[in-house]
C-alpha atoms as a PDB file:
ATOM      1  CA  UNK A   1       4.446 -14.661  -2.953  1.00  0.00           C
ATOM      2  CA  UNK A   2       1.313 -12.462  -3.972  1.00  0.00           C
ATOM      3  CA  UNK A   3       2.681  -9.826  -7.410  1.00  0.00           C
ATOM      4  CA  UNK A   4       1.430  -7.396  -4.861  1.00  0.00           C
ATOM      5  CA  UNK A   5       3.912  -8.321  -2.211  1.00  0.00           C
ATOM      6  CA  UNK A   6       6.244  -8.693  -4.177  1.00  0.00           C
ATOM      7  CA  UNK A   7       6.286  -4.888  -5.655  1.00  0.00           C
ATOM      8  CA  UNK A   8       5.798  -4.061  -2.160  1.00  0.00           C
ATOM      9  CA  UNK A   9       9.525  -5.637  -1.299  1.00  0.00           C
ATOM     10  CA  UNK A  10      11.082  -4.541  -4.597  1.00  0.00           C
ATOM     11  CA  UNK A  11       9.324  -0.555  -3.929  1.00  0.00           C
ATOM     12  CA  UNK A  12      11.048  -0.557  -0.297  1.00  0.00           C
ATOM     13  CA  UNK A  13      14.252  -2.035  -2.033  1.00  0.00           C
ATOM     14  CA  UNK A  14      14.216   0.975  -4.586  1.00  0.00           C
ATOM     15  CA  UNK A  15      13.597   3.673  -1.348  1.00  0.00           C
ATOM     16  CA  UNK A  16      16.921   1.616   0.459  1.00  0.00           C
ATOM     17  CA  UNK A  17      18.206   1.728  -2.382  1.00  0.00           C
ATOM     18  CA  UNK A  18      18.516   5.643  -2.718  1.00  0.00           C
ATOM     19  CA  UNK A  19      19.110   5.380   0.557  1.00  0.00           C
ATOM     20  CA  UNK A  20      22.372   4.318   0.980  1.00  0.00           C
ATOM     21  CA  UNK A  21      23.627   5.582  -2.553  1.00  0.00           C
ATOM     22  CA  UNK A  22      26.044   8.295  -2.892  1.00  0.00           C
ATOM     23  CA  UNK A  23      24.938  12.061  -2.168  1.00  0.00           C
ATOM     24  CA  UNK A  24      25.309  12.652  -6.173  1.00  0.00           C
ATOM     25  CA  UNK A  25      22.506   9.932  -6.961  1.00  0.00           C
ATOM     26  CA  UNK A  26      20.163  11.131  -9.167  1.00  0.00           C
ATOM     27  CA  UNK A  27      16.261   9.753  -8.975  1.00  0.00           C
ATOM     28  CA  UNK A  28      13.725  10.302 -11.647  1.00  0.00           C
ATOM     29  CA  UNK A  29       9.811   8.815 -11.128  1.00  0.00           C
ATOM     30  CA  UNK A  30       7.755   9.132 -13.841  1.00  0.00           C
ATOM     31  CA  UNK A  31       3.902   6.986 -15.532  1.00  0.00           C
ATOM     32  CA  UNK A  32       0.820   7.038 -16.433  1.00  0.00           C
ATOM     33  CA  UNK A  33      -2.638   6.280 -15.849  1.00  0.00           C
ATOM     34  CA  UNK A  34      -4.909   4.555 -18.705  1.00  0.00           C
ATOM     35  CA  UNK A  35      -9.020   4.717 -18.481  1.00  0.00           C
ATOM     36  CA  UNK A  36     -10.468   2.628 -20.734  1.00  0.00           C
ATOM     37  CA  UNK A  37     -14.380   1.782 -21.544  1.00  0.00           C
ATOM     38  CA  UNK A  38     -15.674  -1.054 -23.778  1.00  0.00           C
ATOM     39  CA  UNK A  39     -18.454   1.120 -25.547  1.00  0.00           C
ATOM     40  CA  UNK A  40     -18.830  -1.805 -28.148  1.00  0.00           C
ATOM     41  CA  UNK A  41     -18.447  -5.447 -28.323  1.00  0.00           C
ATOM     42  CA  UNK A  42     -19.759  -8.144 -31.199  1.00  0.00           C
ATOM     43  CA  UNK A  43     -19.598 -10.985 -28.226  1.00  0.00           C
ATOM     44  CA  UNK A  44     -17.374 -13.084 -29.304  1.00  0.00           C
ATOM     45  CA  UNK A  45     -15.098 -12.456 -26.282  1.00  0.00           C
ATOM     46  CA  UNK A  46     -17.041 -12.551 -23.503  1.00  0.00           C
ATOM     47  CA  UNK A  47     -14.947 -10.940 -21.228  1.00  0.00           C
ATOM     48  CA  UNK A  48     -14.625  -7.856 -23.102  1.00  0.00           C
ATOM     49  CA  UNK A  49     -18.682  -7.208 -22.927  1.00  0.00           C
ATOM     50  CA  UNK A  50     -20.372  -3.583 -23.801  1.00  0.00           C
ATOM     51  CA  UNK A  51     -19.901  -1.387 -20.313  1.00  0.00           C
ATOM     52  CA  UNK A  52     -16.724  -2.591 -19.380  1.00  0.00           C
ATOM     53  CA  UNK A  53     -14.306  -0.509 -17.684  1.00  0.00           C
ATOM     54  CA  UNK A  54     -10.605  -0.838 -16.862  1.00  0.00           C
ATOM     55  CA  UNK A  55      -7.869   0.670 -15.079  1.00  0.00           C
ATOM     56  CA  UNK A  56      -4.424   0.775 -14.965  1.00  0.00           C
ATOM     57  CA  UNK A  57      -1.333   2.587 -14.657  1.00  0.00           C
ATOM     58  CA  UNK A  58       2.464   2.568 -14.093  1.00  0.00           C
ATOM     59  CA  UNK A  59       4.727   4.052 -11.676  1.00  0.00           C
ATOM     60  CA  UNK A  60       8.270   4.098 -13.140  1.00  0.00           C
ATOM     61  CA  UNK A  61      11.622   4.888 -10.900  1.00  0.00           C
ATOM     62  CA  UNK A  62      15.040   5.618 -12.549  1.00  0.00           C
ATOM     63  CA  UNK A  63      18.201   5.929 -10.205  1.00  0.00           C
ATOM     64  CA  UNK A  64      22.059   6.749 -11.717  1.00  0.00           C
ATOM     65  CA  UNK A  65      24.790   6.812  -9.720  1.00  0.00           C
ATOM     66  CA  UNK A  66      28.402   7.085 -11.264  1.00  0.00           C
ATOM     67  CA  UNK A  67      27.029   5.768 -14.619  1.00  0.00           C
ATOM     68  CA  UNK A  68      25.128   3.141 -13.360  1.00  0.00           C
ATOM     69  CA  UNK A  69      21.738   2.611 -13.591  1.00  0.00           C
ATOM     70  CA  UNK A  70      18.605   1.228 -11.682  1.00  0.00           C
ATOM     71  CA  UNK A  71      15.355   1.317 -13.019  1.00  0.00           C
ATOM     72  CA  UNK A  72      11.845  -0.402 -11.674  1.00  0.00           C
ATOM     73  CA  UNK A  73       8.785  -0.244 -13.907  1.00  0.00           C
ATOM     74  CA  UNK A  74       5.463  -1.272 -11.149  1.00  0.00           C
ATOM     75  CA  UNK A  75       2.468  -1.929 -13.542  1.00  0.00           C
ATOM     76  CA  UNK A  76      -0.886  -0.906 -11.630  1.00  0.00           C
ATOM     77  CA  UNK A  77      -3.905  -2.916 -13.277  1.00  0.00           C
ATOM     78  CA  UNK A  78      -7.410  -3.112 -12.134  1.00  0.00           C
ATOM     79  CA  UNK A  79     -10.833  -4.200 -13.742  1.00  0.00           C
ATOM     80  CA  UNK A  80     -14.478  -3.395 -12.935  1.00  0.00           C
ATOM     81  CA  UNK A  81     -17.064  -4.141 -14.585  1.00  0.00           C
ATOM     82  CA  UNK A  82     -21.043  -1.773 -14.731  1.00  0.00           C
ATOM     83  CA  UNK A  83     -22.811  -4.867 -14.219  1.00  0.00           C
ATOM     84  CA  UNK A  84     -23.046  -5.601 -10.497  1.00  0.00           C
ATOM     85  CA  UNK A  85     -23.134  -9.480 -10.868  1.00  0.00           C
ATOM     86  CA  UNK A  86     -19.929  -9.474 -12.395  1.00  0.00           C
ATOM     87  CA  UNK A  87     -17.042  -7.916 -10.804  1.00  0.00           C
ATOM     88  CA  UNK A  88     -13.827  -9.252 -12.667  1.00  0.00           C
ATOM     89  CA  UNK A  89     -13.578 -10.614 -16.130  1.00  0.00           C
ATOM     90  CA  UNK A  90     -13.712 -14.339 -16.390  1.00  0.00           C
ATOM     91  CA  UNK A  91     -13.296 -14.698 -20.546  1.00  0.00           C
ATOM     92  CA  UNK A  92     -10.189 -15.240 -22.396  1.00  0.00           C
ATOM     93  CA  UNK A  93      -8.699 -13.969 -25.711  1.00  0.00           C
ATOM     94  CA  UNK A  94      -9.853 -16.449 -28.310  1.00  0.00           C
ATOM     95  CA  UNK A  95      -6.383 -15.101 -29.988  1.00  0.00           C
ATOM     96  CA  UNK A  96      -3.843 -16.512 -27.619  1.00  0.00           C
ATOM     97  CA  UNK A  97      -5.988 -18.181 -24.543  1.00  0.00           C
ATOM     98  CA  UNK A  98      -4.944 -15.510 -21.790  1.00  0.00           C
ATOM     99  CA  UNK A  99      -6.651 -13.575 -19.687  1.00  0.00           C
ATOM    100  CA  UNK A 100      -7.759 -10.135 -20.415  1.00  0.00           C
ATOM    101  CA  UNK A 101      -7.120  -8.460 -17.150  1.00  0.00           C
ATOM    102  CA  UNK A 102      -5.219  -8.864 -14.098  1.00  0.00           C
ATOM    103  CA  UNK A 103      -5.794  -7.435 -10.619  1.00  0.00           C
ATOM    104  CA  UNK A 104      -2.785  -6.080  -8.511  1.00  0.00           C
ATOM    105  CA  UNK A 105       0.752  -4.468  -9.226  1.00  0.00           C
ATOM    106  CA  UNK A 106       2.837  -5.937 -11.071  1.00  0.00           C
ATOM    107  CA  UNK A 107       7.369  -5.628 -11.780  1.00  0.00           C
ATOM    108  CA  UNK A 108       7.693  -5.074 -15.669  1.00  0.00           C
ATOM    109  CA  UNK A 109      11.009  -3.923 -15.068  1.00  0.00           C
ATOM    110  CA  UNK A 110      13.869  -3.959 -12.513  1.00  0.00           C
ATOM    111  CA  UNK A 111      16.987  -4.470 -13.720  1.00  0.00           C
ATOM    112  CA  UNK A 112      20.623  -2.811 -12.877  1.00  0.00           C
ATOM    113  CA  UNK A 113      22.445  -1.586 -15.919  1.00  0.00           C
ATOM    114  CA  UNK A 114      26.600  -1.350 -15.430  1.00  0.00           C
ATOM    115  CA  UNK A 115      29.191   0.741 -17.769  1.00  0.00           C
ATOM    116  CA  UNK A 116      31.944  -1.576 -19.125  1.00  0.00           C
ATOM    117  CA  UNK A 117      33.424   0.783 -21.647  1.00  0.00           C
ATOM    118  CA  UNK A 118      32.540   3.623 -24.048  1.00  0.00           C
ATOM    119  CA  UNK A 119      30.530   1.187 -26.067  1.00  0.00           C
ATOM    120  CA  UNK A 120      29.226  -1.524 -23.996  1.00  0.00           C
ATOM    121  CA  UNK A 121      27.054  -1.697 -21.197  1.00  0.00           C
ATOM    122  CA  UNK A 122      25.888  -5.181 -19.421  1.00  0.00           C
ATOM    123  CA  UNK A 123      22.523  -5.464 -17.909  1.00  0.00           C
ATOM    124  CA  UNK A 124      21.108  -7.776 -15.271  1.00  0.00           C
ATOM    125  CA  UNK A 125      17.876  -8.405 -14.086  1.00  0.00           C
ATOM    126  CA  UNK A 126      13.575  -8.038 -15.607  1.00  0.00           C
ATOM    127  CA  UNK A 127      13.526  -5.534 -18.255  1.00  0.00           C
ATOM    128  CA  UNK A 128      11.254  -5.184 -21.616  1.00  0.00           C
ATOM    129  CA  UNK A 129      12.163  -7.433 -24.790  1.00  0.00           C
ATOM    130  CA  UNK A 130      13.612  -5.935 -27.666  1.00  0.00           C
ATOM    131  CA  UNK A 131      12.160  -8.406 -29.568  1.00  0.00           C
ATOM    132  CA  UNK A 132       9.468  -7.203 -31.770  1.00  0.00           C
ATOM    133  CA  UNK A 133       7.909  -4.294 -33.210  1.00  0.00           C
ATOM    134  CA  UNK A 134       5.264  -2.722 -30.249  1.00  0.00           C
ATOM    135  CA  UNK A 135       6.140  -1.532 -27.060  1.00  0.00           C
ATOM    136  CA  UNK A 136       3.951  -3.057 -24.045  1.00  0.00           C
ATOM    137  CA  UNK A 137       2.617   0.648 -22.829  1.00  0.00           C
ATOM    138  CA  UNK A 138      -0.260   2.640 -23.307  1.00  0.00           C
ATOM    139  CA  UNK A 139       1.998   5.692 -24.095  1.00  0.00           C
ATOM    140  CA  UNK A 140       4.303   3.755 -26.427  1.00  0.00           C
ATOM    141  CA  UNK A 141       1.204   2.378 -29.185  1.00  0.00           C
ATOM    142  CA  UNK A 142      -1.180   4.794 -30.793  1.00  0.00           C
ATOM    143  CA  UNK A 143      -3.971   2.356 -29.885  1.00  0.00           C
ATOM    144  CA  UNK A 144      -6.710   1.391 -27.170  1.00  0.00           C
ATOM    145  CA  UNK A 145      -4.765  -1.874 -27.171  1.00  0.00           C
ATOM    146  CA  UNK A 146      -1.585  -3.485 -28.254  1.00  0.00           C
ATOM    147  CA  UNK A 147      -1.319  -5.687 -31.822  1.00  0.00           C
ATOM    148  CA  UNK A 148      -2.032  -8.885 -32.619  1.00  0.00           C
ATOM    149  CA  UNK A 149       1.776  -9.844 -33.297  1.00  0.00           C
ATOM    150  CA  UNK A 150       2.687  -8.530 -30.040  1.00  0.00           C
ATOM    151  CA  UNK A 151       0.854 -11.115 -28.538  1.00  0.00           C
ATOM    152  CA  UNK A 152       3.150 -13.888 -29.688  1.00  0.00           C
ATOM    153  CA  UNK A 153       6.228 -11.998 -28.290  1.00  0.00           C
ATOM    154  CA  UNK A 154       7.899 -12.143 -24.745  1.00  0.00           C
ATOM    155  CA  UNK A 155       7.606  -8.191 -23.939  1.00  0.00           C
ATOM    156  CA  UNK A 156       9.575  -8.802 -21.221  1.00  0.00           C
ATOM    157  CA  UNK A 157      12.579 -11.228 -19.912  1.00  0.00           C
ATOM    158  CA  UNK A 158      14.627 -12.136 -17.049  1.00  0.00           C
ATOM    159  CA  UNK A 159      18.317 -12.785 -17.450  1.00  0.00           C
ATOM    160  CA  UNK A 160      21.366 -10.574 -18.538  1.00  0.00           C
ATOM    161  CA  UNK A 161      22.041  -8.693 -21.496  1.00  0.00           C
ATOM    162  CA  UNK A 162      24.984  -6.504 -23.333  1.00  0.00           C
ATOM    163  CA  UNK A 163      24.349  -3.730 -25.842  1.00  0.00           C
ATOM    164  CA  UNK A 164      27.155  -2.706 -27.780  1.00  0.00           C
ATOM    165  CA  UNK A 165      27.010   0.814 -29.733  1.00  0.00           C
ATOM    166  CA  UNK A 166      29.332   0.070 -31.837  1.00  0.00           C
ATOM    167  CA  UNK A 167      28.313   4.098 -33.610  1.00  0.00           C
ATOM    168  CA  UNK A 168      25.184   6.116 -33.999  1.00  0.00           C
ATOM    169  CA  UNK A 169      23.708   4.312 -36.748  1.00  0.00           C
ATOM    170  CA  UNK A 170      24.467   0.771 -35.382  1.00  0.00           C
ATOM    171  CA  UNK A 171      23.703  -0.864 -32.308  1.00  0.00           C
ATOM    172  CA  UNK A 172      24.277  -4.914 -31.630  1.00  0.00           C
ATOM    173  CA  UNK A 173      22.974  -6.950 -28.437  1.00  0.00           C
ATOM    174  CA  UNK A 174      23.009 -10.027 -27.089  1.00  0.00           C
ATOM    175  CA  UNK A 175      20.799 -11.823 -24.023  1.00  0.00           C
ATOM    176  CA  UNK A 176      21.035 -15.056 -21.850  1.00  0.00           C
ATOM    177  CA  UNK A 177      17.429 -15.446 -20.408  1.00  0.00           C
ATOM    178  CA  UNK A 178      15.984 -17.656 -18.105  1.00  0.00           C
ATOM    179  CA  UNK A 179      12.634 -16.625 -18.235  1.00  0.00           C
ATOM    180  CA  UNK A 180       9.619 -15.378 -20.647  1.00  0.00           C
ATOM    181  CA  UNK A 181       7.924 -12.870 -19.151  1.00  0.00           C
ATOM    182  CA  UNK A 182       3.922 -12.407 -19.958  1.00  0.00           C
ATOM    183  CA  UNK A 183       3.891 -15.747 -22.363  1.00  0.00           C
ATOM    184  CA  UNK A 184       1.804 -18.035 -20.646  1.00  0.00           C
ATOM    185  CA  UNK A 185       1.846 -20.563 -23.382  1.00  0.00           C
ATOM    186  CA  UNK A 186       5.267 -21.335 -21.591  1.00  0.00           C
ATOM    187  CA  UNK A 187       4.415 -23.705 -19.064  1.00  0.00           C
ATOM    188  CA  UNK A 188       8.532 -24.194 -18.271  1.00  0.00           C
ATOM    189  CA  UNK A 189      10.887 -22.091 -17.377  1.00  0.00           C
ATOM    190  CA  UNK A 190      13.482 -21.169 -20.552  1.00  0.00           C
ATOM    191  CA  UNK A 191      16.856 -20.706 -20.857  1.00  0.00           C
ATOM    192  CA  UNK A 192      16.913 -19.555 -24.373  1.00  0.00           C
ATOM    193  CA  UNK A 193      19.260 -16.675 -26.098  1.00  0.00           C
ATOM    194  CA  UNK A 194      18.482 -13.698 -27.773  1.00  0.00           C
ATOM    195  CA  UNK A 195      19.919 -11.422 -29.948  1.00  0.00           C
ATOM    196  CA  UNK A 196      19.692  -8.424 -32.629  1.00  0.00           C
ATOM    197  CA  UNK A 197      20.627  -5.221 -34.415  1.00  0.00           C
ATOM    198  CA  UNK A 198      19.396  -1.957 -34.363  1.00  0.00           C
ATOM    199  CA  UNK A 199      20.371   0.330 -37.765  1.00  0.00           C
ATOM    200  CA  UNK A 200      19.328   4.185 -38.661  1.00  0.00           C
ATOM    201  CA  UNK A 201      20.702   4.344 -42.235  1.00  0.00           C
ATOM    202  CA  UNK A 202      19.464   7.768 -42.226  1.00  0.00           C
ATOM    203  CA  UNK A 203      17.889  10.357 -39.961  1.00  0.00           C
ATOM    204  CA  UNK A 204      14.253   9.087 -39.854  1.00  0.00           C
ATOM    205  CA  UNK A 205      14.372   5.347 -41.058  1.00  0.00           C
ATOM    206  CA  UNK A 206      15.182   2.963 -37.850  1.00  0.00           C
ATOM    207  CA  UNK A 207      15.331  -0.984 -38.933  1.00  0.00           C
ATOM    208  CA  UNK A 208      15.691  -3.493 -36.402  1.00  0.00           C
ATOM    209  CA  UNK A 209      16.632  -7.628 -36.993  1.00  0.00           C
ATOM    210  CA  UNK A 210      16.284 -10.018 -33.869  1.00  0.00           C
ATOM    211  CA  UNK A 211      16.429 -13.881 -33.270  1.00  0.00           C
ATOM    212  CA  UNK A 212      14.853 -15.846 -29.980  1.00  0.00           C
ATOM    213  CA  UNK A 213      15.468 -19.637 -28.984  1.00  0.00           C
ATOM    214  CA  UNK A 214      12.794 -21.814 -27.523  1.00  0.00           C
ATOM    215  CA  UNK A 215      14.473 -24.585 -26.004  1.00  0.00           C
ATOM    216  CA  UNK A 216      11.059 -25.676 -24.730  1.00  0.00           C
ATOM    217  CA  UNK A 217       9.751 -25.548 -28.405  1.00  0.00           C
ATOM    218  CA  UNK A 218       6.122 -24.585 -27.202  1.00  0.00           C
ATOM    219  CA  UNK A 219       6.161 -21.968 -29.357  1.00  0.00           C
ATOM    220  CA  UNK A 220       9.435 -22.238 -31.422  1.00  0.00           C
ATOM    221  CA  UNK A 221      12.354 -19.879 -32.242  1.00  0.00           C
ATOM    222  CA  UNK A 222      11.347 -16.465 -33.885  1.00  0.00           C
ATOM    223  CA  UNK A 223      12.927 -14.457 -36.266  1.00  0.00           C
ATOM    224  CA  UNK A 224      11.638 -10.940 -36.291  1.00  0.00           C
ATOM    225  CA  UNK A 225      12.459  -7.767 -38.432  1.00  0.00           C
ATOM    226  CA  UNK A 226      10.843  -4.524 -38.604  1.00  0.00           C
ATOM    227  CA  UNK A 227      11.649  -1.077 -40.172  1.00  0.00           C
ATOM    228  CA  UNK A 228       9.901   2.598 -38.633  1.00  0.00           C
ATOM    229  CA  UNK A 229      10.129   5.449 -41.125  1.00  0.00           C
ATOM    230  CA  UNK A 230       9.022   9.177 -39.705  1.00  0.00           C
ATOM    231  CA  UNK A 231      11.056  10.647 -42.758  1.00  0.00           C
ATOM    232  CA  UNK A 232       8.048  13.018 -43.752  1.00  0.00           C
ATOM    233  CA  UNK A 233       6.898  15.737 -40.662  1.00  0.00           C
ATOM    234  CA  UNK A 234       4.281  14.499 -38.871  1.00  0.00           C
ATOM    235  CA  UNK A 235       3.768  10.762 -40.086  1.00  0.00           C
ATOM    236  CA  UNK A 236       5.033   8.197 -39.027  1.00  0.00           C
ATOM    237  CA  UNK A 237       4.974   4.727 -40.961  1.00  0.00           C
ATOM    238  CA  UNK A 238       6.353   1.203 -39.366  1.00  0.00           C
ATOM    239  CA  UNK A 239       5.887  -2.889 -40.876  1.00  0.00           C
ATOM    240  CA  UNK A 240       6.901  -5.442 -38.667  1.00  0.00           C
ATOM    241  CA  UNK A 241       7.538  -9.756 -40.575  1.00  0.00           C
ATOM    242  CA  UNK A 242       7.540 -12.327 -37.406  1.00  0.00           C
ATOM    243  CA  UNK A 243       8.347 -16.163 -38.428  1.00  0.00           C
ATOM    244  CA  UNK A 244       8.326 -18.558 -35.799  1.00  0.00           C
ATOM    245  CA  UNK A 245       9.770 -22.608 -36.085  1.00  0.00           C
ATOM    246  CA  UNK A 246       6.807 -24.169 -35.369  1.00  0.00           C
ATOM    247  CA  UNK A 247       6.313 -25.365 -31.889  1.00  0.00           C
ATOM    248  CA  UNK A 248       4.459 -27.822 -29.856  1.00  0.00           C
ATOM    249  CA  UNK A 249       1.988 -25.621 -28.679  1.00  0.00           C
ATOM    250  CA  UNK A 250      -1.739 -25.336 -29.732  1.00  0.00           C
ATOM    251  CA  UNK A 251      -1.676 -23.278 -32.511  1.00  0.00           C
ATOM    252  CA  UNK A 252       1.527 -22.507 -32.609  1.00  0.00           C
ATOM    253  CA  UNK A 253       2.359 -19.155 -34.547  1.00  0.00           C
ATOM    254  CA  UNK A 254       4.160 -19.903 -38.144  1.00  0.00           C
ATOM    255  CA  UNK A 255       4.279 -16.565 -39.387  1.00  0.00           C
ATOM    256  CA  UNK A 256       2.780 -13.075 -39.445  1.00  0.00           C
ATOM    257  CA  UNK A 257       3.012  -9.433 -40.674  1.00  0.00           C
ATOM    258  CA  UNK A 258       1.851  -5.939 -40.004  1.00  0.00           C
ATOM    259  CA  UNK A 259       1.475  -2.489 -40.899  1.00  0.00           C
ATOM    260  CA  UNK A 260       0.468   0.563 -39.181  1.00  0.00           C
ATOM    261  CA  UNK A 261       0.139   4.538 -39.876  1.00  0.00           C
ATOM    262  CA  UNK A 262      -0.031   7.289 -37.811  1.00  0.00           C
ATOM    263  CA  UNK A 263      -0.355  10.999 -38.986  1.00  0.00           C
ATOM    264  CA  UNK A 264      -0.486  13.772 -36.561  1.00  0.00           C
ATOM    265  CA  UNK A 265      -3.017  16.983 -36.921  1.00  0.00           C
ATOM    266  CA  UNK A 266      -2.024  19.671 -34.443  1.00  0.00           C
ATOM    267  CA  UNK A 267      -4.162  17.974 -31.243  1.00  0.00           C
ATOM    268  CA  UNK A 268      -5.321  15.329 -33.342  1.00  0.00           C
ATOM    269  CA  UNK A 269      -3.944  11.832 -34.105  1.00  0.00           C
ATOM    270  CA  UNK A 270      -5.335   9.342 -36.657  1.00  0.00           C
ATOM    271  CA  UNK A 271      -3.499   5.387 -36.608  1.00  0.00           C
ATOM    272  CA  UNK A 272      -4.713   2.944 -38.742  1.00  0.00           C
ATOM    273  CA  UNK A 273      -3.043  -0.862 -37.895  1.00  0.00           C
ATOM    274  CA  UNK A 274      -3.645  -4.137 -40.265  1.00  0.00           C
ATOM    275  CA  UNK A 275      -2.026  -7.327 -39.075  1.00  0.00           C
ATOM    276  CA  UNK A 276      -2.220 -11.716 -40.146  1.00  0.00           C
ATOM    277  CA  UNK A 277      -1.382 -14.691 -39.189  1.00  0.00           C
ATOM    278  CA  UNK A 278      -0.939 -17.993 -39.966  1.00  0.00           C
ATOM    279  CA  UNK A 279      -0.613 -21.057 -37.419  1.00  0.00           C
ATOM    280  CA  UNK A 280       0.083 -24.638 -37.496  1.00  0.00           C
ATOM    281  CA  UNK A 281      -2.338 -27.512 -36.623  1.00  0.00           C
ATOM    282  CA  UNK A 282      -6.383 -26.840 -36.662  1.00  0.00           C
ATOM    283  CA  UNK A 283      -6.054 -23.184 -35.219  1.00  0.00           C
ATOM    284  CA  UNK A 284      -7.441 -20.431 -37.945  1.00  0.00           C
ATOM    285  CA  UNK A 285      -5.895 -17.962 -39.684  1.00  0.00           C
ATOM    286  CA  UNK A 286      -6.360 -14.001 -37.953  1.00  0.00           C
ATOM    287  CA  UNK A 287      -6.268 -10.543 -40.101  1.00  0.00           C
ATOM    288  CA  UNK A 288      -6.901  -8.187 -37.472  1.00  0.00           C
ATOM    289  CA  UNK A 289      -7.231  -4.446 -37.802  1.00  0.00           C
ATOM    290  CA  UNK A 290      -7.309  -1.209 -35.566  1.00  0.00           C
ATOM    291  CA  UNK A 291      -8.276   2.426 -36.742  1.00  0.00           C
ATOM    292  CA  UNK A 292      -8.206   5.061 -33.818  1.00  0.00           C
ATOM    293  CA  UNK A 293      -8.703   8.792 -33.400  1.00  0.00           C
ATOM    294  CA  UNK A 294      -7.233  10.817 -30.469  1.00  0.00           C
ATOM    295  CA  UNK A 295      -7.131  14.275 -29.058  1.00  0.00           C
ATOM    296  CA  UNK A 296      -4.863  15.845 -27.228  1.00  0.00           C
ATOM    297  CA  UNK A 297      -6.341  17.697 -24.099  1.00  0.00           C
ATOM    298  CA  UNK A 298      -3.344  18.807 -22.864  1.00  0.00           C
ATOM    299  CA  UNK A 299       0.304  18.252 -23.589  1.00  0.00           C
ATOM    300  CA  UNK A 300       0.166  15.394 -20.789  1.00  0.00           C
ATOM    301  CA  UNK A 301      -3.457  14.124 -21.433  1.00  0.00           C
ATOM    302  CA  UNK A 302      -5.412  12.292 -24.245  1.00  0.00           C
ATOM    303  CA  UNK A 303      -8.631  10.654 -25.040  1.00  0.00           C
ATOM    304  CA  UNK A 304      -8.792   8.165 -28.044  1.00  0.00           C
ATOM    305  CA  UNK A 305     -11.423   6.661 -29.561  1.00  0.00           C
ATOM    306  CA  UNK A 306     -10.135   2.745 -31.113  1.00  0.00           C
ATOM    307  CA  UNK A 307     -12.495   0.560 -33.304  1.00  0.00           C
ATOM    308  CA  UNK A 308     -10.416  -2.914 -33.730  1.00  0.00           C
ATOM    309  CA  UNK A 309     -11.822  -5.882 -35.882  1.00  0.00           C
ATOM    310  CA  UNK A 310     -10.817  -9.545 -36.115  1.00  0.00           C
ATOM    311  CA  UNK A 311     -11.417 -12.241 -38.165  1.00  0.00           C
ATOM    312  CA  UNK A 312     -10.629 -15.925 -38.143  1.00  0.00           C
ATOM    313  CA  UNK A 313     -10.258 -17.893 -41.166  1.00  0.00           C
ATOM    314  CA  UNK A 314     -13.881 -15.991 -42.212  1.00  0.00           C
ATOM    315  CA  UNK A 315     -15.543 -18.187 -39.722  1.00  0.00           C
ATOM    316  CA  UNK A 316     -15.753 -15.701 -36.800  1.00  0.00           C
ATOM    317  CA  UNK A 317     -15.150 -12.324 -35.883  1.00  0.00           C
ATOM    318  CA  UNK A 318     -15.132  -9.966 -33.438  1.00  0.00           C
ATOM    319  CA  UNK A 319     -15.281  -6.134 -33.234  1.00  0.00           C
ATOM    320  CA  UNK A 320     -14.963  -3.769 -30.395  1.00  0.00           C
ATOM    321  CA  UNK A 321     -15.137  -0.015 -29.461  1.00  0.00           C
ATOM    322  CA  UNK A 322     -13.106   1.176 -26.899  1.00  0.00           C
ATOM    323  CA  UNK A 323     -13.155   4.876 -25.546  1.00  0.00           C
ATOM    324  CA  UNK A 324     -10.132   5.287 -23.622  1.00  0.00           C
ATOM    325  CA  UNK A 325      -8.214   8.144 -21.347  1.00  0.00           C
ATOM    326  CA  UNK A 326      -4.371   8.620 -21.028  1.00  0.00           C
ATOM    327  CA  UNK A 327      -2.515  10.709 -18.637  1.00  0.00           C
ATOM    328  CA  UNK A 328       1.188  10.747 -17.963  1.00  0.00           C
ATOM    329  CA  UNK A 329       2.935  12.343 -15.690  1.00  0.00           C
ATOM    330  CA  UNK A 330       5.849  14.302 -15.934  1.00  0.00           C
ATOM    331  CA  UNK A 331       9.256  12.722 -14.976  1.00  0.00           C
ATOM    332  CA  UNK A 332      10.297  14.828 -11.276  1.00  0.00           C
ATOM    333  CA  UNK A 333      13.720  14.485 -10.893  1.00  0.00           C
ATOM    334  CA  UNK A 334      15.575  15.453  -7.168  1.00  0.00           C
ATOM    335  CA  UNK A 335      19.175  14.285  -5.878  1.00  0.00           C
ATOM    336  CA  UNK A 336      18.977  12.022  -3.371  1.00  0.00           C
END
């Protein structure tokens, strides 16, 4: 079934869910648009040629009824090329072999969360993974694209999770997942476990630890720890370490680490990111970095210039320059 057909059915289900809901049900709709223009490319990745234009967006629908929350996030993807001979990019990202841009409508999240008691809640469906540092949406990061390490953790998972908010400082969670989404290296349906904990020992300090199994042994079991510091006003620092039990997949990640920082001065945000990873087999080790400058045109809109570079074991390198515009649609609330 086409992704657009699946999303249309899901959207209809959202409308139907609201129609049969109680009068006290509240629905919120929000989203964003993301426009990108490749100003420069050194040529290693043929899909990201200079002049390449890309557009994507997202529509998020949330409804709460008597403590039960339903959420659907629908991604809108489209790519165009300014060259009339090429309508869609056919190249792949040399770091993971995945297509750089898809076209259509995809379901990012579609789940229901039910409170068990004051501390514990259960969630079933497709949801964003809690494994890893970076969020996947353009509004979650300070760069034109996600980092190198993000490509080696599942951004979305399908299954059942349980979350326990022990107190204001400590949260634990565990999930049974029967599919990893957005990680094409996996060719078989996974039946795995994911578990982790989040600790906030003091204001401005966040520590997340998680473990993910891989029964297919394609990418191997993974351990991730990341720390975010925001104790200094207008400054955010973050660091991540990812270790994998090498799987059978070509170029399986052995371990990697990354650091990033962002400093905001009024309407301007300066950000930098550095990452490195080592691999099993003959795949080259990778170092990657990005610097970005963002300017807020208004409370919901920003423009960004991003320069990124990657080096593959010293044998090859790639540099890209991207101009980006992001507009976030504010939440629209209404009683159903």
